[in-house]
Structure formats: C-alpha cells, structure tokens
N, C-alpha and C. Protein backbone atom coordinates (compact mmCIF):
# COMPACT_ATOMS: atom_id res chain seq x y z
N MET A 1 0.82 -1.07 0.03
CA MET A 1 -0.02 -0.08 0.11
C MET A 1 0.88 1.18 0.30
N LEU A 2 0.70 2.26 -0.97
CA LEU A 2 1.17 3.48 -0.80
C LEU A 2 0.63 4.45 -0.19
N LEU A 3 1.23 4.98 0.79
CA LEU A 3 0.92 6.36 1.54
C LEU A 3 1.50 7.87 0.93
N VAL A 4 0.30 8.43 0.80
CA VAL A 4 0.45 9.47 0.12
C VAL A 4 0.10 10.95 0.80
N GLY A 5 1.05 11.52 1.46
CA GLY A 5 0.99 12.61 2.32
C GLY A 5 0.53 13.86 1.40
N LEU A 6 -0.60 14.45 1.62
CA LEU A 6 -1.03 15.47 1.17
C LEU A 6 -1.02 16.88 1.81
N THR A 7 -0.39 17.82 1.41
CA THR A 7 -0.07 19.06 2.28
C THR A 7 -0.28 20.34 1.43
N GLY A 8 -0.26 21.75 1.89
CA GLY A 8 0.08 22.83 1.50
C GLY A 8 -0.56 24.02 2.44
N SER A 9 -0.11 25.06 1.93
CA SER A 9 -0.41 26.24 2.87
C SER A 9 -1.88 26.57 2.87
N ILE A 10 -2.38 27.43 3.92
CA ILE A 10 -3.78 27.61 3.85
C ILE A 10 -3.88 28.26 2.72
N GLY A 11 -5.17 28.09 1.84
CA GLY A 11 -5.77 28.65 0.73
C GLY A 11 -5.16 28.08 -0.42
N MET A 12 -4.57 26.92 -0.64
CA MET A 12 -3.45 26.68 -1.53
C MET A 12 -4.66 25.66 -2.38
N GLY A 13 -5.81 25.21 -1.62
CA GLY A 13 -6.76 24.21 -2.59
C GLY A 13 -6.32 22.55 -1.96
N LYS A 14 -5.84 22.68 -0.57
CA LYS A 14 -5.44 21.27 -0.29
C LYS A 14 -6.96 20.72 -0.12
N SER A 15 -7.97 21.15 0.71
CA SER A 15 -9.31 20.43 0.85
C SER A 15 -10.10 19.97 -0.61
N THR A 16 -9.87 20.72 -1.45
CA THR A 16 -10.40 20.58 -2.74
C THR A 16 -9.81 19.27 -3.38
N THR A 17 -8.75 19.56 -3.34
CA THR A 17 -7.69 18.28 -3.87
C THR A 17 -7.96 17.06 -3.16
N ALA A 18 -7.90 17.00 -1.86
CA ALA A 18 -8.55 15.77 -0.80
C ALA A 18 -9.61 15.27 -1.64
N GLN A 19 -10.82 15.91 -1.88
CA GLN A 19 -12.24 15.63 -2.46
C GLN A 19 -12.00 15.10 -3.59
N ILE A 20 -11.16 15.51 -4.48
CA ILE A 20 -10.98 15.23 -5.83
C ILE A 20 -10.40 13.61 -5.80
N PHE A 21 -9.57 13.24 -4.35
CA PHE A 21 -8.90 11.91 -4.62
C PHE A 21 -10.12 11.15 -3.77
N ARG A 22 -11.26 11.62 -2.98
CA ARG A 22 -12.22 11.05 -2.45
C ARG A 22 -13.17 10.79 -3.71
N ASP A 23 -13.49 11.30 -4.46
CA ASP A 23 -14.30 11.49 -5.85
C ASP A 23 -13.97 10.03 -6.56
N LEU A 24 -12.48 9.86 -6.60
CA LEU A 24 -11.80 8.93 -7.48
C LEU A 24 -11.56 7.61 -6.55
N GLY A 25 -12.34 7.56 -5.52
CA GLY A 25 -12.66 6.43 -5.01
C GLY A 25 -11.04 5.98 -4.18
N VAL A 26 -10.53 6.97 -3.54
CA VAL A 26 -9.16 6.78 -2.73
C VAL A 26 -9.36 7.11 -1.48
N PRO A 27 -9.03 6.29 -0.34
CA PRO A 27 -9.49 6.71 1.17
C PRO A 27 -8.80 7.72 1.47
N VAL A 28 -9.04 8.93 1.90
CA VAL A 28 -8.54 9.99 2.18
C VAL A 28 -8.57 10.16 3.97
N HIS A 29 -7.42 10.31 4.71
CA HIS A 29 -7.48 10.46 6.19
C HIS A 29 -7.16 12.18 6.49
N ASP A 30 -8.33 12.51 7.23
CA ASP A 30 -8.37 13.89 6.84
C ASP A 30 -7.76 14.53 8.40
N SER A 31 -6.70 15.26 8.71
CA SER A 31 -6.12 15.36 9.94
C SER A 31 -7.01 16.42 10.60
N ASP A 32 -7.76 17.34 9.73
CA ASP A 32 -8.29 18.32 10.61
C ASP A 32 -9.89 17.72 11.12
N GLU A 33 -10.19 17.00 10.40
CA GLU A 33 -11.55 16.05 10.91
C GLU A 33 -11.23 15.34 12.08
N ALA A 34 -10.07 14.88 12.22
CA ALA A 34 -9.45 13.79 13.43
C ALA A 34 -9.06 15.13 14.74
N VAL A 35 -8.70 16.19 14.10
CA VAL A 35 -8.73 16.90 15.43
C VAL A 35 -10.05 17.36 16.18
N HIS A 36 -11.27 17.40 15.02
CA HIS A 36 -12.48 17.76 15.52
C HIS A 36 -12.82 16.77 16.47
N GLU A 37 -12.54 15.42 16.03
CA GLU A 37 -12.90 14.30 16.82
C GLU A 37 -12.25 14.03 18.40
N ILE A 38 -10.83 14.37 18.06
CA ILE A 38 -10.09 14.34 19.35
C ILE A 38 -10.67 15.35 20.52
N TYR A 39 -11.16 16.48 19.79
CA TYR A 39 -11.18 17.72 20.54
C TYR A 39 -12.66 17.35 21.20
N ARG A 40 -13.45 16.54 21.12
CA ARG A 40 -14.75 16.14 21.56
C ARG A 40 -14.38 14.74 22.49
N THR A 41 -13.21 14.01 22.53
CA THR A 41 -12.72 12.86 23.47
C THR A 41 -11.57 13.06 23.92
N THR A 42 -10.50 12.17 23.15
CA THR A 42 -9.34 11.87 23.96
C THR A 42 -8.31 13.67 24.30
N ALA A 43 -8.66 14.58 23.75
CA ALA A 43 -7.75 15.87 23.93
C ALA A 43 -8.34 16.65 24.89
N CYS A 44 -9.73 16.27 25.15
CA CYS A 44 -10.21 17.27 26.20
C CYS A 44 -9.61 17.42 27.52
N ASP A 45 -9.26 16.09 27.88
CA ASP A 45 -8.51 16.27 29.64
C ASP A 45 -7.22 17.02 29.61
N PRO A 46 -6.42 16.46 28.72
CA PRO A 46 -5.02 17.16 28.51
C PRO A 46 -4.98 18.77 28.20
N ILE A 47 -5.84 19.05 27.48
CA ILE A 47 -6.11 20.58 27.07
C ILE A 47 -6.90 21.17 28.22
N ARG A 48 -7.73 20.65 29.04
CA ARG A 48 -8.20 21.47 30.15
C ARG A 48 -6.90 21.78 31.16
N SER A 49 -6.15 20.58 31.35
CA SER A 49 -5.11 20.84 32.34
C SER A 49 -4.24 22.48 31.89
N LEU A 50 -4.02 22.65 30.60
CA LEU A 50 -3.10 23.29 30.41
C LEU A 50 -4.00 24.59 30.18
N PHE A 51 -5.28 24.74 29.33
CA PHE A 51 -5.92 25.99 29.12
C PHE A 51 -7.62 25.46 29.27
N PRO A 52 -7.84 25.98 30.86
CA PRO A 52 -9.39 25.40 31.52
C PRO A 52 -10.40 26.14 30.76
N ALA A 53 -9.96 27.45 30.23
CA ALA A 53 -10.97 28.23 29.57
C ALA A 53 -11.23 27.69 28.29
N ALA A 54 -10.55 26.83 27.55
CA ALA A 54 -10.68 26.45 26.44
C ALA A 54 -11.39 25.23 26.27
N VAL A 55 -12.16 24.71 27.21
CA VAL A 55 -12.77 23.39 27.05
C VAL A 55 -14.05 23.55 28.01
N ASP A 56 -15.21 23.16 27.59
CA ASP A 56 -16.37 23.42 28.27
C ASP A 56 -17.20 21.95 28.34
N ARG A 57 -18.27 21.73 28.44
CA ARG A 57 -18.95 20.45 28.73
C ARG A 57 -19.36 19.81 27.21
N HIS A 58 -19.02 20.66 26.16
CA HIS A 58 -18.98 20.10 24.85
C HIS A 58 -17.99 19.45 24.24
N GLY A 59 -16.56 19.85 24.91
CA GLY A 59 -15.50 19.43 24.44
C GLY A 59 -14.59 20.61 24.46
N VAL A 60 -13.49 20.82 23.42
CA VAL A 60 -12.69 21.83 23.21
C VAL A 60 -13.27 22.97 22.48
N ASP A 61 -13.38 24.26 23.07
CA ASP A 61 -13.67 25.44 22.09
C ASP A 61 -12.68 25.71 21.43
N ARG A 62 -12.97 25.72 20.14
CA ARG A 62 -11.80 25.89 19.10
C ARG A 62 -11.56 27.59 18.99
N THR A 63 -12.64 28.23 19.27
CA THR A 63 -12.56 29.79 18.84
C THR A 63 -11.81 30.15 20.18
N ALA A 64 -12.16 29.47 21.22
CA ALA A 64 -11.41 30.20 22.69
C ALA A 64 -9.96 29.69 22.67
N LEU A 65 -9.66 28.25 22.47
CA LEU A 65 -8.45 27.96 22.30
C LEU A 65 -7.52 28.72 21.34
N ALA A 66 -8.21 28.90 20.02
CA ALA A 66 -7.13 29.89 18.89
C ALA A 66 -6.98 31.06 19.40
N GLY A 67 -7.67 31.83 20.05
CA GLY A 67 -7.66 33.10 20.99
C GLY A 67 -6.42 32.97 22.12
N ILE A 68 -6.31 31.66 22.44
CA ILE A 68 -5.29 31.69 23.53
C ILE A 68 -3.89 31.42 22.85
N VAL A 69 -4.01 30.47 21.92
CA VAL A 69 -2.74 30.04 21.12
C VAL A 69 -2.00 30.86 20.17
N LEU A 70 -2.94 31.51 19.36
CA LEU A 70 -2.41 32.13 18.25
C LEU A 70 -1.39 33.34 18.46
N SER A 71 -1.53 33.85 19.80
CA SER A 71 -0.56 35.25 19.85
C SER A 71 0.39 34.60 20.72
N ASP A 72 0.41 33.25 20.99
CA ASP A 72 1.54 32.85 22.42
C ASP A 72 2.29 31.56 21.94
N PRO A 73 3.59 31.81 21.14
CA PRO A 73 4.08 30.86 20.40
C PRO A 73 4.36 29.56 21.42
N GLU A 74 5.05 29.85 22.79
CA GLU A 74 4.90 28.82 23.62
C GLU A 74 3.72 27.99 23.95
N ALA A 75 2.63 28.90 24.08
CA ALA A 75 1.39 27.74 24.19
C ALA A 75 0.99 26.94 23.26
N LEU A 76 1.14 27.53 22.01
CA LEU A 76 0.73 27.10 20.50
C LEU A 76 1.82 25.50 20.76
N LYS A 77 2.99 25.52 21.25
CA LYS A 77 4.06 24.26 21.24
C LYS A 77 3.22 23.47 22.29
N ARG A 78 2.79 23.71 23.20
CA ARG A 78 2.48 22.90 24.28
C ARG A 78 1.23 22.30 23.89
N LEU A 79 0.12 23.20 23.20
CA LEU A 79 -0.97 22.72 22.45
C LEU A 79 -0.58 21.29 21.41
N GLU A 80 0.41 21.54 20.61
CA GLU A 80 0.89 20.76 19.28
C GLU A 80 1.30 19.59 19.88
N ALA A 81 2.17 19.67 21.38
CA ALA A 81 2.64 18.33 21.93
C ALA A 81 1.64 17.35 22.38
N ILE A 82 0.52 18.06 22.62
CA ILE A 82 -0.69 17.35 22.76
C ILE A 82 -1.75 16.53 21.60
N VAL A 83 -1.82 17.24 20.69
CA VAL A 83 -2.55 17.29 19.48
C VAL A 83 -1.79 16.29 18.33
N HIS A 84 -0.62 16.47 18.19
CA HIS A 84 0.26 15.86 16.83
C HIS A 84 0.30 14.57 17.45
N PRO A 85 0.30 13.87 18.41
CA PRO A 85 0.65 12.65 18.56
C PRO A 85 -0.87 11.94 18.79
N LEU A 86 -1.83 12.55 19.28
CA LEU A 86 -3.26 11.58 19.22
C LEU A 86 -3.84 11.84 17.46
N VAL A 87 -3.33 12.89 16.56
CA VAL A 87 -3.77 12.65 15.52
C VAL A 87 -2.91 11.56 14.68
N CYS A 88 -1.66 11.63 15.04
CA CYS A 88 -0.92 10.45 14.27
C CYS A 88 -1.48 9.19 14.82
N GLU A 89 -1.64 8.81 16.04
CA GLU A 89 -2.37 7.57 16.30
C GLU A 89 -3.91 7.25 15.81
N HIS A 90 -4.40 8.57 15.41
CA HIS A 90 -5.76 8.43 14.72
C HIS A 90 -5.66 7.93 13.14
N ARG A 91 -4.54 8.69 12.41
CA ARG A 91 -4.10 8.46 11.35
C ARG A 91 -3.83 6.93 11.19
N ARG A 92 -2.80 6.39 12.13
CA ARG A 92 -2.42 5.23 12.06
C ARG A 92 -3.37 4.19 12.20
N SER A 93 -4.48 4.56 12.98
CA SER A 93 -5.55 3.72 12.84
C SER A 93 -6.43 3.49 11.63
N PHE A 94 -6.63 4.41 11.43
CA PHE A 94 -7.38 4.56 9.84
C PHE A 94 -6.51 3.94 8.88
N VAL A 95 -5.05 4.16 8.87
CA VAL A 95 -4.37 3.31 7.71
C VAL A 95 -4.43 2.03 7.63
N GLN A 96 -4.34 1.58 9.20
CA GLN A 96 -4.44 -0.03 9.45
C GLN A 96 -5.83 -0.71 8.94
N ALA A 97 -6.66 0.13 9.13
CA ALA A 97 -8.04 -0.17 8.80
C ALA A 97 -8.27 -0.35 7.09
N ARG A 98 -7.70 0.40 6.42
CA ARG A 98 -7.76 0.46 5.00
C ARG A 98 -7.16 -0.64 4.38
N ALA A 99 -5.81 -0.66 5.01
CA ALA A 99 -4.75 -1.97 4.85
C ALA A 99 -5.59 -3.43 4.74
N ILE A 100 -6.48 -3.43 5.62
CA ILE A 100 -6.92 -4.77 6.06
C ILE A 100 -8.11 -4.86 5.03
N GLU A 101 -8.72 -3.81 4.83
CA GLU A 101 -9.60 -3.66 3.38
C GLU A 101 -9.02 -3.92 2.39
N GLY A 102 -7.91 -3.74 2.01
CA GLY A 102 -7.15 -3.94 0.86
C GLY A 102 -6.71 -3.01 -0.02
N ALA A 103 -6.96 -1.67 0.20
CA ALA A 103 -6.48 -0.52 -0.17
C ALA A 103 -5.24 -0.47 -0.79
N ARG A 104 -5.08 0.17 -1.94
CA ARG A 104 -3.72 0.22 -2.45
C ARG A 104 -3.10 1.26 -2.18
N VAL A 105 -3.83 2.65 -2.35
CA VAL A 105 -3.32 3.69 -2.10
C VAL A 105 -4.30 4.48 -0.94
N VAL A 106 -3.63 5.22 -0.07
CA VAL A 106 -4.26 5.78 1.06
C VAL A 106 -3.72 7.23 0.82
N VAL A 107 -4.37 8.55 1.08
CA VAL A 107 -3.69 9.60 1.24
C VAL A 107 -4.21 10.04 2.30
N CYS A 108 -3.23 11.10 2.89
CA CYS A 108 -3.14 11.49 4.53
C CYS A 108 -3.13 12.98 4.37
N ASP A 109 -4.23 13.66 4.40
CA ASP A 109 -4.33 15.11 4.28
C ASP A 109 -3.89 15.90 5.41
N ILE A 110 -2.50 16.57 5.70
CA ILE A 110 -2.07 16.70 6.65
C ILE A 110 -1.49 17.97 6.69
N PRO A 111 -2.22 19.35 7.23
CA PRO A 111 -1.74 20.82 6.81
C PRO A 111 -0.50 20.89 7.56
N LEU A 112 0.18 20.20 8.53
CA LEU A 112 1.14 20.81 8.95
C LEU A 112 2.17 19.33 8.99
N MET A 113 2.02 18.68 7.82
CA MET A 113 3.03 17.80 7.61
C MET A 113 4.56 17.93 7.90
N PHE A 114 5.21 18.83 7.04
CA PHE A 114 6.48 18.94 7.37
C PHE A 114 6.61 19.57 8.76
N GLU A 115 6.04 20.40 9.25
CA GLU A 115 6.12 20.75 10.43
C GLU A 115 6.12 19.88 11.87
N SER A 116 5.19 18.81 11.42
CA SER A 116 4.86 17.57 12.37
C SER A 116 5.86 16.70 12.54
N GLY A 117 6.47 16.36 11.41
CA GLY A 117 7.68 15.46 10.95
C GLY A 117 7.01 14.44 10.28
N ALA A 118 5.39 14.40 9.87
CA ALA A 118 4.78 13.55 9.48
C ALA A 118 5.21 12.78 7.82
N ASP A 119 5.95 13.76 7.57
CA ASP A 119 6.51 13.33 6.04
C ASP A 119 7.10 11.99 6.00
N ARG A 120 7.95 11.89 7.09
CA ARG A 120 8.76 10.85 7.44
C ARG A 120 8.10 9.29 7.22
N ASP A 121 6.54 9.31 7.46
CA ASP A 121 5.95 8.15 7.26
C ASP A 121 5.33 8.02 5.89
N MET A 122 5.38 8.94 4.99
CA MET A 122 4.99 9.04 4.02
C MET A 122 5.57 8.36 2.69
N ASP A 123 5.04 7.36 1.92
CA ASP A 123 6.03 7.16 0.66
C ASP A 123 6.10 8.13 -0.54
N LEU A 124 5.22 8.95 -0.35
CA LEU A 124 5.07 10.09 -1.42
C LEU A 124 4.33 11.21 -1.00
N ILE A 125 5.20 12.38 -1.17
CA ILE A 125 4.80 13.70 -0.91
C ILE A 125 4.27 14.62 -1.88
N LEU A 126 2.74 14.91 -1.81
CA LEU A 126 2.26 15.78 -2.56
C LEU A 126 2.17 17.17 -2.06
N VAL A 127 2.38 18.25 -2.66
CA VAL A 127 2.06 19.66 -2.29
C VAL A 127 1.22 20.28 -3.18
N VAL A 128 0.04 20.96 -2.92
CA VAL A 128 -0.72 21.76 -3.44
C VAL A 128 -0.39 23.31 -3.34
N SER A 129 -0.37 23.94 -4.50
CA SER A 129 0.01 25.22 -4.19
C SER A 129 -0.49 25.96 -5.25
N ALA A 130 -0.56 27.39 -5.32
CA ALA A 130 -1.05 28.49 -6.03
C ALA A 130 -0.14 29.59 -6.20
N ALA A 131 -0.31 30.67 -7.01
CA ALA A 131 0.33 31.83 -6.90
C ALA A 131 0.20 32.50 -5.60
N ALA A 132 0.82 33.42 -4.99
CA ALA A 132 0.42 33.81 -3.71
C ALA A 132 -0.57 35.07 -3.61
N ALA A 133 -0.85 35.50 -4.84
CA ALA A 133 -2.13 36.50 -4.80
C ALA A 133 -3.50 35.63 -4.86
N VAL A 134 -3.40 34.72 -5.76
CA VAL A 134 -4.58 33.60 -5.90
C VAL A 134 -4.58 33.10 -4.11
N GLN A 135 -3.69 32.73 -3.40
CA GLN A 135 -3.94 32.36 -2.34
C GLN A 135 -4.43 33.47 -1.08
N LYS A 136 -3.92 34.25 -1.11
CA LYS A 136 -4.44 35.37 -0.56
C LYS A 136 -5.99 35.98 -0.49
N ALA A 137 -6.45 35.99 -2.14
CA ALA A 137 -7.53 36.19 -2.40
C ALA A 137 -8.54 35.01 -1.71
N ARG A 138 -8.55 33.91 -1.82
CA ARG A 138 -8.99 32.93 -1.42
C ARG A 138 -9.22 33.01 0.34
N VAL A 139 -8.14 33.04 0.97
CA VAL A 139 -7.88 33.50 2.34
C VAL A 139 -8.89 34.30 2.87
N LEU A 140 -8.69 35.81 2.21
CA LEU A 140 -9.52 36.70 2.71
C LEU A 140 -10.90 36.87 2.41
N ALA A 141 -11.39 35.95 1.76
CA ALA A 141 -12.70 35.65 1.13
C ALA A 141 -13.68 34.61 2.17
N ARG A 142 -12.72 34.24 3.15
CA ARG A 142 -13.50 33.37 4.22
C ARG A 142 -13.91 34.22 5.21
N THR A 143 -15.27 33.71 6.08
CA THR A 143 -15.80 34.44 6.53
C THR A 143 -15.10 34.60 8.35
N GLY A 144 -14.92 35.69 8.54
CA GLY A 144 -14.36 35.98 10.01
C GLY A 144 -12.64 36.07 9.72
N MET A 145 -12.07 36.15 8.44
CA MET A 145 -10.94 36.25 8.45
C MET A 145 -10.35 37.62 7.91
N THR A 146 -9.10 37.99 8.70
CA THR A 146 -8.45 39.27 8.52
C THR A 146 -7.40 39.18 7.98
N PRO A 147 -6.76 40.57 7.36
CA PRO A 147 -5.19 40.33 7.16
C PRO A 147 -4.14 40.00 8.13
N ASP A 148 -4.53 40.39 9.22
CA ASP A 148 -3.69 40.37 10.45
C ASP A 148 -3.59 38.85 10.71
N ARG A 149 -4.96 38.34 10.96
CA ARG A 149 -4.83 36.85 11.25
C ARG A 149 -4.58 35.95 10.14
N PHE A 150 -4.59 36.33 9.01
CA PHE A 150 -3.66 35.19 7.88
C PHE A 150 -2.27 35.69 7.79
N SER A 151 -1.75 36.83 8.24
CA SER A 151 -0.46 37.11 8.65
C SER A 151 0.18 36.07 9.65
N VAL A 152 -0.69 36.13 10.84
CA VAL A 152 -0.23 35.14 11.70
C VAL A 152 -0.29 33.73 11.60
N ILE A 153 -1.31 33.23 10.76
CA ILE A 153 -1.49 31.83 10.05
C ILE A 153 -0.12 31.41 9.38
N MET A 154 0.22 32.54 8.44
CA MET A 154 1.67 32.47 7.49
C MET A 154 2.60 32.34 8.22
N SER A 155 2.63 33.06 9.17
CA SER A 155 3.78 32.94 10.05
C SER A 155 4.08 31.55 10.90
N ARG A 156 3.00 30.78 10.98
CA ARG A 156 3.15 29.52 11.57
C ARG A 156 3.58 28.36 10.72
N GLN A 157 3.27 28.50 9.32
CA GLN A 157 3.33 27.71 8.32
C GLN A 157 5.16 27.66 7.47
N MET A 158 5.24 26.66 7.26
CA MET A 158 6.63 26.72 6.10
C MET A 158 6.15 27.48 4.94
N PRO A 159 7.06 28.29 4.64
CA PRO A 159 6.94 28.68 3.38
C PRO A 159 6.64 28.13 2.00
N ASP A 160 5.48 28.16 1.33
CA ASP A 160 5.23 27.35 0.06
C ASP A 160 6.49 26.81 -0.86
N ALA A 161 7.31 27.96 -0.82
CA ALA A 161 8.45 27.36 -1.90
C ALA A 161 9.17 26.16 -1.13
N ASP A 162 9.50 26.16 0.19
CA ASP A 162 9.99 25.52 0.83
C ASP A 162 9.38 23.84 0.81
N LYS A 163 7.99 23.88 0.78
CA LYS A 163 7.18 23.16 0.57
C LYS A 163 7.36 22.53 -0.73
N ARG A 164 7.33 23.12 -1.85
CA ARG A 164 7.52 22.66 -3.45
C ARG A 164 8.98 21.87 -3.29
N ARG A 165 9.86 22.49 -2.73
CA ARG A 165 11.14 21.90 -2.82
C ARG A 165 11.04 20.54 -2.01
N ARG A 166 10.30 20.22 -1.37
CA ARG A 166 10.68 18.98 -0.51
C ARG A 166 9.63 17.72 -1.02
N ALA A 167 8.52 18.18 -1.96
CA ALA A 167 7.66 17.41 -2.54
C ALA A 167 8.06 16.49 -3.51
N HIS A 168 7.38 15.35 -3.85
CA HIS A 168 7.81 14.55 -4.95
C HIS A 168 7.02 14.86 -6.31
N VAL A 169 5.79 15.56 -5.64
CA VAL A 169 4.91 15.96 -6.93
C VAL A 169 3.98 17.20 -6.27
N VAL A 170 4.05 18.15 -7.32
CA VAL A 170 3.22 19.50 -7.09
C VAL A 170 1.93 19.69 -7.91
N ILE A 171 0.81 19.79 -7.32
CA ILE A 171 -0.38 20.01 -7.80
C ILE A 171 -0.64 21.60 -7.84
N ASP A 172 -0.76 22.00 -9.08
CA ASP A 172 -0.93 23.48 -9.27
C ASP A 172 -2.72 23.77 -9.25
N THR A 173 -2.95 24.32 -8.31
CA THR A 173 -4.48 24.39 -8.20
C THR A 173 -4.96 26.11 -8.57
N GLY A 174 -4.17 26.78 -9.01
CA GLY A 174 -4.24 28.18 -9.41
C GLY A 174 -5.08 28.20 -10.92
N CYS A 175 -5.00 27.26 -11.31
CA CYS A 175 -5.74 27.23 -12.69
C CYS A 175 -7.18 26.78 -12.79
N GLY A 176 -7.86 26.32 -11.64
CA GLY A 176 -9.42 26.02 -11.49
C GLY A 176 -9.35 24.47 -11.11
N LEU A 177 -10.83 24.20 -10.98
CA LEU A 177 -10.94 22.69 -10.59
C LEU A 177 -10.75 21.75 -11.40
N THR A 178 -11.11 22.13 -12.94
CA THR A 178 -10.90 21.10 -13.62
C THR A 178 -9.34 20.78 -14.03
N ALA A 179 -8.34 21.85 -14.04
CA ALA A 179 -6.93 21.58 -14.31
C ALA A 179 -6.67 20.95 -13.20
N ALA A 180 -6.89 21.00 -11.89
CA ALA A 180 -6.56 20.41 -10.54
C ALA A 180 -7.11 18.63 -10.63
N ARG A 181 -8.06 18.58 -10.85
CA ARG A 181 -8.82 17.18 -11.61
C ARG A 181 -8.12 16.44 -12.51
N ARG A 182 -7.53 17.14 -13.30
CA ARG A 182 -6.85 16.47 -14.35
C ARG A 182 -5.48 15.98 -13.87
N GLN A 183 -5.02 16.85 -13.30
CA GLN A 183 -3.37 16.65 -12.50
C GLN A 183 -3.64 15.32 -11.60
N VAL A 184 -4.62 15.35 -10.62
CA VAL A 184 -4.84 14.37 -9.76
C VAL A 184 -5.18 13.07 -10.38
N THR A 185 -6.05 12.99 -11.67
CA THR A 185 -6.44 11.97 -12.24
C THR A 185 -5.02 10.95 -12.69
N GLY A 186 -4.41 12.01 -13.42
CA GLY A 186 -3.23 11.49 -14.12
C GLY A 186 -2.26 10.91 -13.04
N LEU A 187 -2.02 11.71 -11.77
CA LEU A 187 -1.24 11.19 -10.83
C LEU A 187 -1.62 9.76 -10.28
N MET A 188 -3.18 9.49 -10.24
CA MET A 188 -3.62 8.31 -9.84
C MET A 188 -3.36 7.18 -10.85
N ARG A 189 -3.46 7.49 -11.92
CA ARG A 189 -3.04 6.70 -13.11
C ARG A 189 -1.73 6.01 -12.57
N THR A 190 -0.89 7.05 -12.33
CA THR A 190 0.80 6.45 -12.28
C THR A 190 0.74 5.66 -10.91
N LEU A 191 0.24 6.34 -9.77
CA LEU A 191 0.12 5.40 -8.50
C LEU A 191 -0.60 4.13 -8.80
N ALA A 192 -1.52 4.05 -9.21
CA ALA A 192 -2.13 2.88 -9.20
C ALA A 192 -1.15 1.70 -10.20
N ALA A 193 -0.47 2.15 -10.93
CA ALA A 193 0.28 1.41 -11.91
C ALA A 193 1.57 1.00 -11.03
N ARG A 194 1.94 1.90 -10.13
CA ARG A 194 3.13 1.52 -9.23
C ARG A 194 2.52 0.64 -8.03
N ALA A 195 1.28 0.76 -7.65
CA ALA A 195 0.90 -0.03 -6.68
C ALA A 195 0.74 -1.58 -7.11
N GLN A 196 0.19 -1.53 -8.30
CA GLN A 196 -0.08 -2.78 -8.73
C GLN A 196 1.38 -3.46 -8.89
N ALA A 197 2.46 -3.00 -9.44
CA ALA A 197 3.61 -3.62 -9.85
C ALA A 197 4.29 -3.99 -8.38
N SER A 198 4.02 -3.62 -7.46
CA SER A 198 4.96 -3.63 -6.34
C SER A 198 4.47 -5.02 -5.25
C-alpha cells in the first residue's frame, strides 16, 4: 500500500484536492477532521489541564483555544505536543483499517505535515500550490478572516517555496478545479500502476 502525504499552505486548495481523491475512490484521512474528533474525546482532559478556559461540557472550544494560542508561540507548542501524537495515532488506525480492506493507495491530508514530521511516514509527498495572490484572495474571502490573522497563520507555516522543494509531486490549483482534477487523475493512474507492480 502506498501512503501519499497531501499538504499545502492555507488557501492553496488542499481540501478541494483531497475531495478529488475521494471522488476517485481513494481513502483519505483528514487530519482536521481527526482534530475535531479528538477535541470532543481524548484531547479534552490534557487540554483542560493547560488551558481550562478552552474546554466546556461539549469539548474543546476551538475559538477560545485559538484566542489563547495564536498570539502565544509557547502555548501553541504545548498544544501541539498534545494534539500531534493523538492525530498521528488516529491516522495510524485509519491506515491499518484501510490496509485490512485491501486499499492500494491511501491519502493522508496533513496541513502541518513537514512541521510535525509526519512526512517521514509517507511514501510520496504531494504539495498543492498556487500563486501568492490567488492564495491571499481565497483566504481573505473566508468568513471571519482578516489580513492580520492571515499573517499570523502564515508565520506559523513553512513557506510554500520550501514545501514545493520537498515535494515529490506539486499540484497547481491556481488554474481552477478542472485543471486540478486532471492533474490528480493523471497522478492516480501512475500510482495505481506503481501499486499494482509492487
């Protein structure tokens, strides 16, 4: 089974690319969805011990938590020390289940793949990218996003150029959905052939 690590900076089209893989029948583990799950379950107690105001009876309040950690690099590091291992375990269980089902290719959608070191577990690294102007326009169109918040988020992420250099494959999402789907479909043909040959 081939593990494909899918990553890209905010606004680059990673979620859309992940959906294209799903549409092609490829299992996709979504780290953001895993975070939502653990914020209702396994992450509640350890996060409550560090940031009591960020946890209520429903689980972790992401808005409250973001307000605490986005402006405090040390708090963010403490949070990541809790979250990253739990997400890694969630991903490992997902991959094991797909292997039992006979999947030949599994995509792992990991926003902070390089930053968390998860790239070491992948067979192939796929980075989605677009021009900086396209990225900025996409992000600032999101509800509640501001230029200042965008700048803070970008400061926490590895630069796009560095991600592209570390990628085995780059998908350019700047030319629209049809072009991105064509690139992903072509890649899947290559991966399917590679998986069958292995």
